[in-house]
PDB file of N, CA and C in Angstrom:
ATOM      1  N   MET A   1     -57.130  60.925  75.225  1.00  0.00           N
ATOM      2  CA  MET A   1     -56.078  60.103  74.642  1.00  0.00           C
ATOM      3  C   MET A   1     -54.913  60.948  74.156  1.00  0.00           C
ATOM      4  N   ASP A   2     -55.109  62.245  74.021  1.00  0.00           N
ATOM      5  CA  ASP A   2     -54.047  63.147  73.585  1.00  0.00           C
ATOM      6  C   ASP A   2     -53.430  62.721  72.249  1.00  0.00           C
ATOM      7  N   ILE A   3     -54.282  62.390  71.291  1.00  0.00           N
ATOM      8  CA  ILE A   3     -53.835  62.027  69.940  1.00  0.00           C
ATOM      9  C   ILE A   3     -54.125  63.217  69.034  1.00  0.00           C
ATOM     10  N   PRO A   4     -53.085  63.862  68.501  1.00  0.00           N
ATOM     11  CA  PRO A   4     -53.317  65.009  67.611  1.00  0.00           C
ATOM     12  C   PRO A   4     -54.094  64.612  66.358  1.00  0.00           C
ATOM     13  N   ASN A   5     -54.920  65.514  65.888  1.00  0.00           N
ATOM     14  CA  ASN A   5     -55.675  65.372  64.635  1.00  0.00           C
ATOM     15  C   ASN A   5     -56.730  64.277  64.667  1.00  0.00           C
ATOM     16  N   LEU A   6     -57.051  63.766  65.848  1.00  0.00           N
ATOM     17  CA  LEU A   6     -58.088  62.761  65.986  1.00  0.00           C
ATOM     18  C   LEU A   6     -59.356  63.424  66.507  1.00  0.00           C
ATOM     19  N   ALA A   7     -60.441  63.256  65.779  1.00  0.00           N
ATOM     20  CA  ALA A   7     -61.743  63.774  66.199  1.00  0.00           C
ATOM     21  C   ALA A   7     -62.641  62.581  66.521  1.00  0.00           C
ATOM     22  N   ILE A   8     -63.231  62.589  67.711  1.00  0.00           N
ATOM     23  CA  ILE A   8     -64.067  61.483  68.170  1.00  0.00           C
ATOM     24  C   ILE A   8     -65.473  62.009  68.421  1.00  0.00           C
ATOM     25  N   HIS A   9     -66.464  61.317  67.853  1.00  0.00           N
ATOM     26  CA  HIS A   9     -67.857  61.722  67.984  1.00  0.00           C
ATOM     27  C   HIS A   9     -68.697  60.524  68.401  1.00  0.00           C
ATOM     28  N   PRO A  10     -69.676  60.711  69.307  1.00  0.00           N
ATOM     29  CA  PRO A  10     -70.576  59.602  69.623  1.00  0.00           C
ATOM     30  C   PRO A  10     -71.368  59.225  68.377  1.00  0.00           C
ATOM     31  N   ALA A  11     -71.665  57.944  68.249  1.00  0.00           N
ATOM     32  CA  ALA A  11     -72.373  57.481  67.046  1.00  0.00           C
ATOM     33  C   ALA A  11     -73.390  56.408  67.407  1.00  0.00           C
ATOM     34  N   ILE A  12     -74.398  56.312  66.588  1.00  0.00           N
ATOM     35  CA  ILE A  12     -75.400  55.253  66.678  1.00  0.00           C
ATOM     36  C   ILE A  12     -75.401  54.537  65.335  1.00  0.00           C
ATOM     37  N   TYR A  13     -75.281  53.245  65.387  1.00  0.00           N
ATOM     38  CA  TYR A  13     -75.287  52.429  64.182  1.00  0.00           C
ATOM     39  C   TYR A  13     -76.682  51.839  64.001  1.00  0.00           C
ATOM     40  N   VAL A  14     -77.274  52.025  62.836  1.00  0.00           N
ATOM     41  CA  VAL A  14     -78.572  51.452  62.515  1.00  0.00           C
ATOM     42  C   VAL A  14     -78.332  50.345  61.493  1.00  0.00           C
ATOM     43  N   ASP A  15     -78.648  49.114  61.879  1.00  0.00           N
ATOM     44  CA  ASP A  15     -78.351  47.987  60.992  1.00  0.00           C
ATOM     45  C   ASP A  15     -79.415  47.804  59.909  1.00  0.00           C
ATOM     46  N   HIS A  16     -79.268  46.766  59.104  1.00  0.00           N
ATOM     47  CA  HIS A  16     -80.161  46.526  57.962  1.00  0.00           C
ATOM     48  C   HIS A  16     -81.592  46.184  58.387  1.00  0.00           C
ATOM     49  N   ASN A  17     -81.802  45.875  59.679  1.00  0.00           N
ATOM     50  CA  ASN A  17     -83.145  45.606  60.197  1.00  0.00           C
ATOM     51  C   ASN A  17     -83.697  46.807  60.965  1.00  0.00           C
ATOM     52  N   ASP A  18     -83.092  47.969  60.762  1.00  0.00           N
ATOM     53  CA  ASP A  18     -83.465  49.211  61.444  1.00  0.00           C
ATOM     54  C   ASP A  18     -83.337  49.123  62.965  1.00  0.00           C
ATOM     55  N   VAL A  19     -82.454  48.266  63.461  1.00  0.00           N
ATOM     56  CA  VAL A  19     -82.185  48.164  64.897  1.00  0.00           C
ATOM     57  C   VAL A  19     -81.049  49.123  65.235  1.00  0.00           C
ATOM     58  N   TRP A  20     -81.264  49.940  66.258  1.00  0.00           N
ATOM     59  CA  TRP A  20     -80.265  50.912  66.691  1.00  0.00           C
ATOM     60  C   TRP A  20     -79.272  50.249  67.637  1.00  0.00           C
ATOM     61  N   HIS A  21     -77.995  50.534  67.420  1.00  0.00           N
ATOM     62  CA  HIS A  21     -76.917  50.065  68.298  1.00  0.00           C
ATOM     63  C   HIS A  21     -76.207  51.312  68.812  1.00  0.00           C
ATOM     64  N   GLU A  22     -76.322  51.541  70.092  1.00  0.00           N
ATOM     65  CA  GLU A  22     -75.755  52.754  70.686  1.00  0.00           C
ATOM     66  C   GLU A  22     -74.412  52.448  71.342  1.00  0.00           C
ATOM     67  N   ASN A  23     -73.833  53.465  71.932  1.00  0.00           N
ATOM     68  CA  ASN A  23     -72.538  53.371  72.626  1.00  0.00           C
ATOM     69  C   ASN A  23     -71.377  53.075  71.679  1.00  0.00           C
ATOM     70  N   TYR A  24     -71.447  53.616  70.475  1.00  0.00           N
ATOM     71  CA  TYR A  24     -70.339  53.528  69.532  1.00  0.00           C
ATOM     72  C   TYR A  24     -69.694  54.905  69.396  1.00  0.00           C
ATOM     73  N   TRP A  25     -68.502  54.906  68.853  1.00  0.00           N
ATOM     74  CA  TRP A  25     -67.784  56.154  68.601  1.00  0.00           C
ATOM     75  C   TRP A  25     -67.314  56.170  67.157  1.00  0.00           C
ATOM     76  N   PHE A  26     -67.424  57.315  66.524  1.00  0.00           N
ATOM     77  CA  PHE A  26     -66.912  57.524  65.171  1.00  0.00           C
ATOM     78  C   PHE A  26     -65.595  58.268  65.301  1.00  0.00           C
ATOM     79  N   LEU A  27     -64.543  57.704  64.756  1.00  0.00           N
ATOM     80  CA  LEU A  27     -63.227  58.324  64.803  1.00  0.00           C
ATOM     81  C   LEU A  27     -62.833  58.774  63.410  1.00  0.00           C
ATOM     82  N   THR A  28     -62.321  59.970  63.310  1.00  0.00           N
ATOM     83  CA  THR A  28     -61.817  60.472  62.036  1.00  0.00           C
ATOM     84  C   THR A  28     -60.597  61.345  62.312  1.00  0.00           C
ATOM     85  N   PHE A  29     -59.823  61.554  61.297  1.00  0.00           N
ATOM     86  CA  PHE A  29     -58.616  62.362  61.424  1.00  0.00           C
ATOM     87  C   PHE A  29     -58.777  63.652  60.632  1.00  0.00           C
ATOM     88  N   THR A  30     -58.348  64.747  61.219  1.00  0.00           N
ATOM     89  CA  THR A  30     -58.438  66.047  60.558  1.00  0.00           C
ATOM     90  C   THR A  30     -57.235  66.317  59.666  1.00  0.00           C
ATOM     91  N   LYS A  31     -56.147  65.592  59.872  1.00  0.00           N
ATOM     92  CA  LYS A  31     -54.946  65.703  59.034  1.00  0.00           C
ATOM     93  C   LYS A  31     -54.344  64.319  58.872  1.00  0.00           C
ATOM     94  N   LYS A  32     -53.556  64.155  57.811  1.00  0.00           N
ATOM     95  CA  LYS A  32     -52.849  62.900  57.558  1.00  0.00           C
ATOM     96  C   LYS A  32     -51.358  63.119  57.784  1.00  0.00           C
ATOM     97  N   PHE A  33     -50.641  62.029  58.006  1.00  0.00           N
ATOM     98  CA  PHE A  33     -49.192  62.081  58.234  1.00  0.00           C
ATOM     99  C   PHE A  33     -48.523  61.269  57.135  1.00  0.00           C
ATOM    100  N   ASP A  34     -47.843  61.938  56.239  1.00  0.00           N
ATOM    101  CA  ASP A  34     -47.162  61.299  55.114  1.00  0.00           C
ATOM    102  C   ASP A  34     -45.752  60.951  55.566  1.00  0.00           C
ATOM    103  N   CYS A  35     -45.550  59.697  55.941  1.00  0.00           N
ATOM    104  CA  CYS A  35     -44.233  59.299  56.447  1.00  0.00           C
ATOM    105  C   CYS A  35     -43.711  58.028  55.783  1.00  0.00           C
ATOM    106  N   TRP A  36     -44.237  57.696  54.610  1.00  0.00           N
ATOM    107  CA  TRP A  36     -43.711  56.513  53.931  1.00  0.00           C
ATOM    108  C   TRP A  36     -42.527  56.915  53.065  1.00  0.00           C
ATOM    109  N   ASP A  37     -41.563  56.053  53.010  1.00  0.00           N
ATOM    110  CA  ASP A  37     -40.295  56.307  52.324  1.00  0.00           C
ATOM    111  C   ASP A  37     -40.431  55.967  50.843  1.00  0.00           C
ATOM    112  N   ARG A  38     -40.320  56.986  49.991  1.00  0.00           N
ATOM    113  CA  ARG A  38     -40.466  56.786  48.537  1.00  0.00           C
ATOM    114  C   ARG A  38     -39.318  55.980  47.949  1.00  0.00           C
ATOM    115  N   ASP A  39     -38.162  56.008  48.577  1.00  0.00           N
ATOM    116  CA  ASP A  39     -37.014  55.278  48.047  1.00  0.00           C
ATOM    117  C   ASP A  39     -37.072  53.781  48.357  1.00  0.00           C
ATOM    118  N   LYS A  40     -37.693  53.416  49.465  1.00  0.00           N
ATOM    119  CA  LYS A  40     -37.701  52.017  49.890  1.00  0.00           C
ATOM    120  C   LYS A  40     -39.037  51.310  49.696  1.00  0.00           C
ATOM    121  N   SER A  41     -40.118  52.051  49.574  1.00  0.00           N
ATOM    122  CA  SER A  41     -41.436  51.446  49.406  1.00  0.00           C
ATOM    123  C   SER A  41     -41.640  51.006  47.960  1.00  0.00           C
ATOM    124  N   PHE A  42     -42.555  50.069  47.775  1.00  0.00           N
ATOM    125  CA  PHE A  42     -42.912  49.612  46.430  1.00  0.00           C
ATOM    126  C   PHE A  42     -44.284  50.185  46.111  1.00  0.00           C
ATOM    127  N   TYR A  43     -44.369  50.994  45.055  1.00  0.00           N
ATOM    128  CA  TYR A  43     -45.621  51.675  44.728  1.00  0.00           C
ATOM    129  C   TYR A  43     -45.697  51.972  43.241  1.00  0.00           C
ATOM    130  N   ALA A  44     -46.927  52.195  42.768  1.00  0.00           N
ATOM    131  CA  ALA A  44     -47.124  52.562  41.363  1.00  0.00           C
ATOM    132  C   ALA A  44     -46.513  53.943  41.147  1.00  0.00           C
ATOM    133  N   PRO A  45     -45.663  54.115  40.133  1.00  0.00           N
ATOM    134  CA  PRO A  45     -44.922  55.363  39.973  1.00  0.00           C
ATOM    135  C   PRO A  45     -45.769  56.571  39.572  1.00  0.00           C
ATOM    136  N   ASP A  46     -46.906  56.323  38.950  1.00  0.00           N
ATOM    137  CA  ASP A  46     -47.745  57.438  38.515  1.00  0.00           C
ATOM    138  C   ASP A  46     -48.787  57.750  39.580  1.00  0.00           C
ATOM    139  N   PRO A  47     -48.753  58.959  40.121  1.00  0.00           N
ATOM    140  CA  PRO A  47     -49.728  59.301  41.164  1.00  0.00           C
ATOM    141  C   PRO A  47     -51.123  59.483  40.587  1.00  0.00           C
ATOM    142  N   LEU A  48     -52.099  59.336  41.450  1.00  0.00           N
ATOM    143  CA  LEU A  48     -53.487  59.585  41.086  1.00  0.00           C
ATOM    144  C   LEU A  48     -53.863  60.967  41.579  1.00  0.00           C
ATOM    145  N   THR A  49     -54.616  61.672  40.778  1.00  0.00           N
ATOM    146  CA  THR A  49     -55.058  63.005  41.171  1.00  0.00           C
ATOM    147  C   THR A  49     -56.582  63.020  41.160  1.00  0.00           C
ATOM    148  N   GLY A  50     -57.164  64.131  41.528  1.00  0.00           N
ATOM    149  CA  GLY A  50     -58.612  64.233  41.536  1.00  0.00           C
ATOM    150  C   GLY A  50     -59.191  64.145  42.930  1.00  0.00           C
ATOM    151  N   PHE A  51     -58.330  63.989  43.928  1.00  0.00           N
ATOM    152  CA  PHE A  51     -58.770  63.931  45.318  1.00  0.00           C
ATOM    153  C   PHE A  51     -58.579  65.280  46.006  1.00  0.00           C
ATOM    154  N   GLY A  52     -58.041  66.249  45.298  1.00  0.00           N
ATOM    155  CA  GLY A  52     -57.663  67.514  45.913  1.00  0.00           C
ATOM    156  C   GLY A  52     -56.216  67.478  46.365  1.00  0.00           C
ATOM    157  N   ASP A  53     -55.565  66.333  46.174  1.00  0.00           N
ATOM    158  CA  ASP A  53     -54.149  66.186  46.479  1.00  0.00           C
ATOM    159  C   ASP A  53     -53.581  65.080  45.587  1.00  0.00           C
ATOM    160  N   ILE A  54     -52.337  64.726  45.802  1.00  0.00           N
ATOM    161  CA  ILE A  54     -51.691  63.670  45.016  1.00  0.00           C
ATOM    162  C   ILE A  54     -51.569  62.433  45.891  1.00  0.00           C
ATOM    163  N   ARG A  55     -51.982  61.289  45.339  1.00  0.00           N
ATOM    164  CA  ARG A  55     -51.928  60.034  46.088  1.00  0.00           C
ATOM    165  C   ARG A  55     -51.311  58.939  45.232  1.00  0.00           C
ATOM    166  N   TYR A  56     -50.586  58.052  45.907  1.00  0.00           N
ATOM    167  CA  TYR A  56     -49.946  56.925  45.245  1.00  0.00           C
ATOM    168  C   TYR A  56     -50.581  55.621  45.721  1.00  0.00           C
ATOM    169  N   GLU A  57     -50.593  54.640  44.840  1.00  0.00           N
ATOM    170  CA  GLU A  57     -51.023  53.310  45.229  1.00  0.00           C
ATOM    171  C   GLU A  57     -49.790  52.569  45.740  1.00  0.00           C
ATOM    172  N   VAL A  58     -49.726  52.392  47.048  1.00  0.00           N
ATOM    173  CA  VAL A  58     -48.567  51.766  47.687  1.00  0.00           C
ATOM    174  C   VAL A  58     -48.853  50.282  47.884  1.00  0.00           C
ATOM    175  N   ILE A  59     -47.920  49.452  47.436  1.00  0.00           N
ATOM    176  CA  ILE A  59     -48.080  48.007  47.535  1.00  0.00           C
ATOM    177  C   ILE A  59     -47.424  47.481  48.804  1.00  0.00           C
ATOM    178  N   SER A  60     -46.217  47.954  49.112  1.00  0.00           N
ATOM    179  CA  SER A  60     -45.555  47.596  50.371  1.00  0.00           C
ATOM    180  C   SER A  60     -44.847  48.837  50.916  1.00  0.00           C
ATOM    181  N   TYR A  61     -44.921  48.978  52.224  1.00  0.00           N
ATOM    182  CA  TYR A  61     -44.439  50.184  52.889  1.00  0.00           C
ATOM    183  C   TYR A  61     -43.105  49.997  53.577  1.00  0.00           C
ATOM    184  N   HIS A  62     -42.324  51.039  53.519  1.00  0.00           N
ATOM    185  CA  HIS A  62     -41.199  51.276  54.421  1.00  0.00           C
ATOM    186  C   HIS A  62     -41.441  52.682  54.939  1.00  0.00           C
ATOM    187  N   LEU A  63     -41.306  52.850  56.222  1.00  0.00           N
ATOM    188  CA  LEU A  63     -41.512  54.175  56.792  1.00  0.00           C
ATOM    189  C   LEU A  63     -40.209  54.953  56.793  1.00  0.00           C
ATOM    190  N   ASN A  64     -40.317  56.263  56.719  1.00  0.00           N
ATOM    191  CA  ASN A  64     -39.163  57.154  56.707  1.00  0.00           C
ATOM    192  C   ASN A  64     -38.661  57.311  58.137  1.00  0.00           C
ATOM    193  N   SER A  65     -37.617  56.577  58.489  1.00  0.00           N
ATOM    194  CA  SER A  65     -37.119  56.563  59.869  1.00  0.00           C
ATOM    195  C   SER A  65     -36.611  57.930  60.316  1.00  0.00           C
ATOM    196  N   ASP A  66     -36.022  58.704  59.407  1.00  0.00           N
ATOM    197  CA  ASP A  66     -35.554  60.050  59.782  1.00  0.00           C
ATOM    198  C   ASP A  66     -36.729  60.939  60.175  1.00  0.00           C
ATOM    199  N   LEU A  67     -37.794  60.899  59.389  1.00  0.00           N
ATOM    200  CA  LEU A  67     -38.974  61.704  59.693  1.00  0.00           C
ATOM    201  C   LEU A  67     -39.628  61.248  61.001  1.00  0.00           C
ATOM    202  N   LEU A  68     -39.714  59.946  61.205  1.00  0.00           N
ATOM    203  CA  LEU A  68     -40.293  59.433  62.448  1.00  0.00           C
ATOM    204  C   LEU A  68     -39.462  59.845  63.659  1.00  0.00           C
ATOM    205  N   ASP A  69     -38.151  59.799  63.529  1.00  0.00           N
ATOM    206  CA  ASP A  69     -37.276  60.206  64.636  1.00  0.00           C
ATOM    207  C   ASP A  69     -37.453  61.683  64.979  1.00  0.00           C
ATOM    208  N   GLN A  70     -37.788  62.492  63.993  1.00  0.00           N
ATOM    209  CA  GLN A  70     -37.959  63.931  64.199  1.00  0.00           C
ATOM    210  C   GLN A  70     -39.361  64.288  64.704  1.00  0.00           C
ATOM    211  N   THR A  71     -40.260  63.319  64.717  1.00  0.00           N
ATOM    212  CA  THR A  71     -41.655  63.570  65.071  1.00  0.00           C
ATOM    213  C   THR A  71     -41.934  63.092  66.492  1.00  0.00           C
ATOM    214  N   ASN A  72     -42.550  63.946  67.281  1.00  0.00           N
ATOM    215  CA  ASN A  72     -42.911  63.606  68.647  1.00  0.00           C
ATOM    216  C   ASN A  72     -43.740  62.328  68.665  1.00  0.00           C
ATOM    217  N   ILE A  73     -43.493  61.464  69.632  1.00  0.00           N
ATOM    218  CA  ILE A  73     -44.189  60.175  69.713  1.00  0.00           C
ATOM    219  C   ILE A  73     -45.710  60.342  69.770  1.00  0.00           C
ATOM    220  N   ASN A  74     -46.204  61.380  70.444  1.00  0.00           N
ATOM    221  CA  ASN A  74     -47.655  61.582  70.523  1.00  0.00           C
ATOM    222  C   ASN A  74     -48.266  61.894  69.166  1.00  0.00           C
ATOM    223  N   GLU A  75     -47.483  62.436  68.248  1.00  0.00           N
ATOM    224  CA  GLU A  75     -47.983  62.768  66.919  1.00  0.00           C
ATOM    225  C   GLU A  75     -47.946  61.584  65.966  1.00  0.00           C
ATOM    226  N   ARG A  76     -47.371  60.472  66.408  1.00  0.00           N
ATOM    227  CA  ARG A  76     -47.290  59.301  65.531  1.00  0.00           C
ATOM    228  C   ARG A  76     -47.774  58.016  66.195  1.00  0.00           C
ATOM    229  N   LYS A  77     -48.502  58.158  67.299  1.00  0.00           N
ATOM    230  CA  LYS A  77     -49.064  56.973  67.955  1.00  0.00           C
ATOM    231  C   LYS A  77     -50.253  56.405  67.198  1.00  0.00           C
ATOM    232  N   LEU A  78     -51.044  57.278  66.606  1.00  0.00           N
ATOM    233  CA  LEU A  78     -52.222  56.868  65.857  1.00  0.00           C
ATOM    234  C   LEU A  78     -52.465  57.924  64.789  1.00  0.00           C
ATOM    235  N   PHE A  79     -52.424  57.520  63.517  1.00  0.00           N
ATOM    236  CA  PHE A  79     -52.592  58.496  62.447  1.00  0.00           C
ATOM    237  C   PHE A  79     -53.066  57.828  61.175  1.00  0.00           C
ATOM    238  N   LYS A  80     -53.552  58.658  60.280  1.00  0.00           N
ATOM    239  CA  LYS A  80     -53.951  58.206  58.947  1.00  0.00           C
ATOM    240  C   LYS A  80     -52.806  58.536  58.001  1.00  0.00           C
ATOM    241  N   MET A  81     -52.378  57.531  57.226  1.00  0.00           N
ATOM    242  CA  MET A  81     -51.256  57.718  56.303  1.00  0.00           C
ATOM    243  C   MET A  81     -51.632  58.676  55.179  1.00  0.00           C
ATOM    244  N   GLY A  82     -50.752  59.610  54.893  1.00  0.00           N
ATOM    245  CA  GLY A  82     -50.988  60.575  53.838  1.00  0.00           C
ATOM    246  C   GLY A  82     -50.373  60.162  52.513  1.00  0.00           C
ATOM    247  N   ALA A  83     -50.855  60.774  51.451  1.00  0.00           N
ATOM    248  CA  ALA A  83     -50.348  60.619  50.080  1.00  0.00           C
ATOM    249  C   ALA A  83     -50.492  59.208  49.525  1.00  0.00           C
ATOM    250  N   THR A  84     -51.471  58.449  50.040  1.00  0.00           N
ATOM    251  CA  THR A  84     -51.745  57.115  49.518  1.00  0.00           C
ATOM    252  C   THR A  84     -53.225  57.007  49.164  1.00  0.00           C
ATOM    253  N   THR A  85     -53.543  56.104  48.257  1.00  0.00           N
ATOM    254  CA  THR A  85     -54.937  55.953  47.850  1.00  0.00           C
ATOM    255  C   THR A  85     -55.784  55.311  48.944  1.00  0.00           C
ATOM    256  N   GLU A  86     -55.211  54.410  49.711  1.00  0.00           N
ATOM    257  CA  GLU A  86     -55.978  53.689  50.720  1.00  0.00           C
ATOM    258  C   GLU A  86     -56.059  54.429  52.051  1.00  0.00           C
ATOM    259  N   GLU A  87     -55.100  55.271  52.354  1.00  0.00           N
ATOM    260  CA  GLU A  87     -55.050  56.044  53.592  1.00  0.00           C
ATOM    261  C   GLU A  87     -55.233  55.162  54.826  1.00  0.00           C
ATOM    262  N   TRP A  88     -54.382  54.149  54.968  1.00  0.00           N
ATOM    263  CA  TRP A  88     -54.452  53.224  56.087  1.00  0.00           C
ATOM    264  C   TRP A  88     -54.255  53.947  57.414  1.00  0.00           C
ATOM    265  N   ILE A  89     -54.825  53.381  58.470  1.00  0.00           N
ATOM    266  CA  ILE A  89     -54.623  53.876  59.824  1.00  0.00           C
ATOM    267  C   ILE A  89     -53.426  53.125  60.398  1.00  0.00           C
ATOM    268  N   LEU A  90     -52.474  53.861  60.926  1.00  0.00           N
ATOM    269  CA  LEU A  90     -51.315  53.253  61.556  1.00  0.00           C
ATOM    270  C   LEU A  90     -51.377  53.461  63.058  1.00  0.00           C
ATOM    271  N   VAL A  91     -51.033  52.418  63.780  1.00  0.00           N
ATOM    272  CA  VAL A  91     -51.092  52.401  65.235  1.00  0.00           C
ATOM    273  C   VAL A  91     -49.714  52.047  65.773  1.00  0.00           C
ATOM    274  N   HIS A  92     -49.212  52.858  66.677  1.00  0.00           N
ATOM    275  CA  HIS A  92     -47.935  52.567  67.322  1.00  0.00           C
ATOM    276  C   HIS A  92     -48.088  51.318  68.186  1.00  0.00           C
ATOM    277  N   LYS A  93     -47.025  50.547  68.319  1.00  0.00           N
ATOM    278  CA  LYS A  93     -47.094  49.296  69.073  1.00  0.00           C
ATOM    279  C   LYS A  93     -47.529  49.514  70.521  1.00  0.00           C
ATOM    280  N   SER A  94     -47.307  50.702  71.073  1.00  0.00           N
ATOM    281  CA  SER A  94     -47.719  50.977  72.450  1.00  0.00           C
ATOM    282  C   SER A  94     -49.247  51.046  72.595  1.00  0.00           C
ATOM    283  N   LEU A  95     -49.970  51.260  71.499  1.00  0.00           N
ATOM    284  CA  LEU A  95     -51.441  51.317  71.521  1.00  0.00           C
ATOM    285  C   LEU A  95     -52.090  50.086  70.900  1.00  0.00           C
ATOM    286  N   ALA A  96     -51.305  49.209  70.331  1.00  0.00           N
ATOM    287  CA  ALA A  96     -51.854  48.073  69.576  1.00  0.00           C
ATOM    288  C   ALA A  96     -52.805  47.228  70.410  1.00  0.00           C
ATOM    289  N   GLY A  97     -52.549  47.072  71.689  1.00  0.00           N
ATOM    290  CA  GLY A  97     -53.408  46.264  72.541  1.00  0.00           C
ATOM    291  C   GLY A  97     -54.834  46.788  72.626  1.00  0.00           C
ATOM    292  N   LEU A  98     -55.013  48.102  72.471  1.00  0.00           N
ATOM    293  CA  LEU A  98     -56.356  48.682  72.501  1.00  0.00           C
ATOM    294  C   LEU A  98     -57.208  48.210  71.328  1.00  0.00           C
ATOM    295  N   PHE A  99     -56.553  47.808  70.238  1.00  0.00           N
ATOM    296  CA  PHE A  99     -57.261  47.427  69.018  1.00  0.00           C
ATOM    297  C   PHE A  99     -57.292  45.922  68.801  1.00  0.00           C
ATOM    298  N   ASN A 100     -56.810  45.180  69.768  1.00  0.00           N
ATOM    299  CA  ASN A 100     -56.791  43.723  69.650  1.00  0.00           C
ATOM    300  C   ASN A 100     -58.175  43.185  69.981  1.00  0.00           C
ATOM    301  N   ARG A 101     -59.080  43.278  69.015  1.00  0.00           N
ATOM    302  CA  ARG A 101     -60.484  42.908  69.179  1.00  0.00           C
ATOM    303  C   ARG A 101     -60.930  42.076  67.979  1.00  0.00           C
ATOM    304  N   ALA A 102     -62.035  41.367  68.163  1.00  0.00           N
ATOM    305  CA  ALA A 102     -62.615  40.603  67.056  1.00  0.00           C
ATOM    306  C   ALA A 102     -62.950  41.553  65.919  1.00  0.00           C
ATOM    307  N   GLY A 103     -62.604  41.175  64.704  1.00  0.00           N
ATOM    308  CA  GLY A 103     -62.898  41.985  63.528  1.00  0.00           C
ATOM    309  C   GLY A 103     -61.814  42.973  63.170  1.00  0.00           C
ATOM    310  N   VAL A 104     -60.795  43.100  64.005  1.00  0.00           N
ATOM    311  CA  VAL A 104     -59.688  44.014  63.739  1.00  0.00           C
ATOM    312  C   VAL A 104     -58.465  43.186  63.390  1.00  0.00           C
ATOM    313  N   GLU A 105     -57.818  43.532  62.305  1.00  0.00           N
ATOM    314  CA  GLU A 105     -56.596  42.837  61.912  1.00  0.00           C
ATOM    315  C   GLU A 105     -55.447  43.825  61.940  1.00  0.00           C
ATOM    316  N   LEU A 106     -54.547  43.624  62.892  1.00  0.00           N
ATOM    317  CA  LEU A 106     -53.355  44.453  62.984  1.00  0.00           C
ATOM    318  C   LEU A 106     -52.245  43.789  62.181  1.00  0.00           C
ATOM    319  N   VAL A 107     -51.618  44.568  61.306  1.00  0.00           N
ATOM    320  CA  VAL A 107     -50.578  44.039  60.429  1.00  0.00           C
ATOM    321  C   VAL A 107     -49.320  44.875  60.625  1.00  0.00           C
ATOM    322  N   PRO A 108     -48.212  44.256  61.012  1.00  0.00           N
ATOM    323  CA  PRO A 108     -46.970  45.021  61.098  1.00  0.00           C
ATOM    324  C   PRO A 108     -46.617  45.627  59.740  1.00  0.00           C
ATOM    325  N   VAL A 109     -46.098  46.838  59.748  1.00  0.00           N
ATOM    326  CA  VAL A 109     -45.766  47.523  58.496  1.00  0.00           C
ATOM    327  C   VAL A 109     -44.838  46.665  57.643  1.00  0.00           C
ATOM    328  N   LYS A 110     -43.901  45.978  58.266  1.00  0.00           N
ATOM    329  CA  LYS A 110     -42.944  45.161  57.507  1.00  0.00           C
ATOM    330  C   LYS A 110     -43.627  44.020  56.743  1.00  0.00           C
ATOM    331  N   ASP A 111     -44.814  43.590  57.199  1.00  0.00           N
ATOM    332  CA  ASP A 111     -45.531  42.495  56.533  1.00  0.00           C
ATOM    333  C   ASP A 111     -46.510  42.972  55.471  1.00  0.00           C
ATOM    334  N   PHE A 112     -46.831  44.259  55.475  1.00  0.00           N
ATOM    335  CA  PHE A 112     -47.821  44.777  54.540  1.00  0.00           C
ATOM    336  C   PHE A 112     -47.275  44.671  53.121  1.00  0.00           C
ATOM    337  N   GLY A 113     -47.986  43.945  52.272  1.00  0.00           N
ATOM    338  CA  GLY A 113     -47.572  43.790  50.873  1.00  0.00           C
ATOM    339  C   GLY A 113     -46.585  42.664  50.656  1.00  0.00           C
ATOM    340  N   THR A 114     -46.117  42.044  51.745  1.00  0.00           N
ATOM    341  CA  THR A 114     -45.208  40.914  51.571  1.00  0.00           C
ATOM    342  C   THR A 114     -45.878  39.621  52.031  1.00  0.00           C
ATOM    343  N   THR A 115     -46.356  39.563  53.267  1.00  0.00           N
ATOM    344  CA  THR A 115     -47.103  38.388  53.719  1.00  0.00           C
ATOM    345  C   THR A 115     -48.578  38.703  53.887  1.00  0.00           C
ATOM    346  N   PHE A 116     -48.944  39.997  53.957  1.00  0.00           N
ATOM    347  CA  PHE A 116     -50.332  40.426  54.047  1.00  0.00           C
ATOM    348  C   PHE A 116     -50.660  41.217  52.802  1.00  0.00           C
ATOM    349  N   PHE A 117     -51.717  40.801  52.108  1.00  0.00           N
ATOM    350  CA  PHE A 117     -52.147  41.505  50.905  1.00  0.00           C
ATOM    351  C   PHE A 117     -53.597  41.954  51.109  1.00  0.00           C
ATOM    352  N   PRO A 118     -53.835  43.254  51.233  1.00  0.00           N
ATOM    353  CA  PRO A 118     -55.204  43.710  51.462  1.00  0.00           C
ATOM    354  C   PRO A 118     -56.109  43.469  50.262  1.00  0.00           C
TER     355      PRO A 118
END
């Protein structure tokens, strides 16, 4: 998939009845991408510490368009948001169709915190 900072591992899920479900993948990110705009986003002003870094509780997001324009598209197609308490996964619209599955809710960034409340 050529997604930077994405680590994919085969996984087996064992449910509450000890039944094994194979053919799953565990996805994790080795780095986060902090690209939310502090001037336009709505967030709690006091950061939380104790995670080994500084994180903010973001209520609604605006992305930093200058930073996104400077970042290669492959580095921002799929990433974990940095400097936030929730560390949401963001998916570029070109990959959104891959995640259009039962149990997955894709929310446009513009709707997060305004019409969608996690």
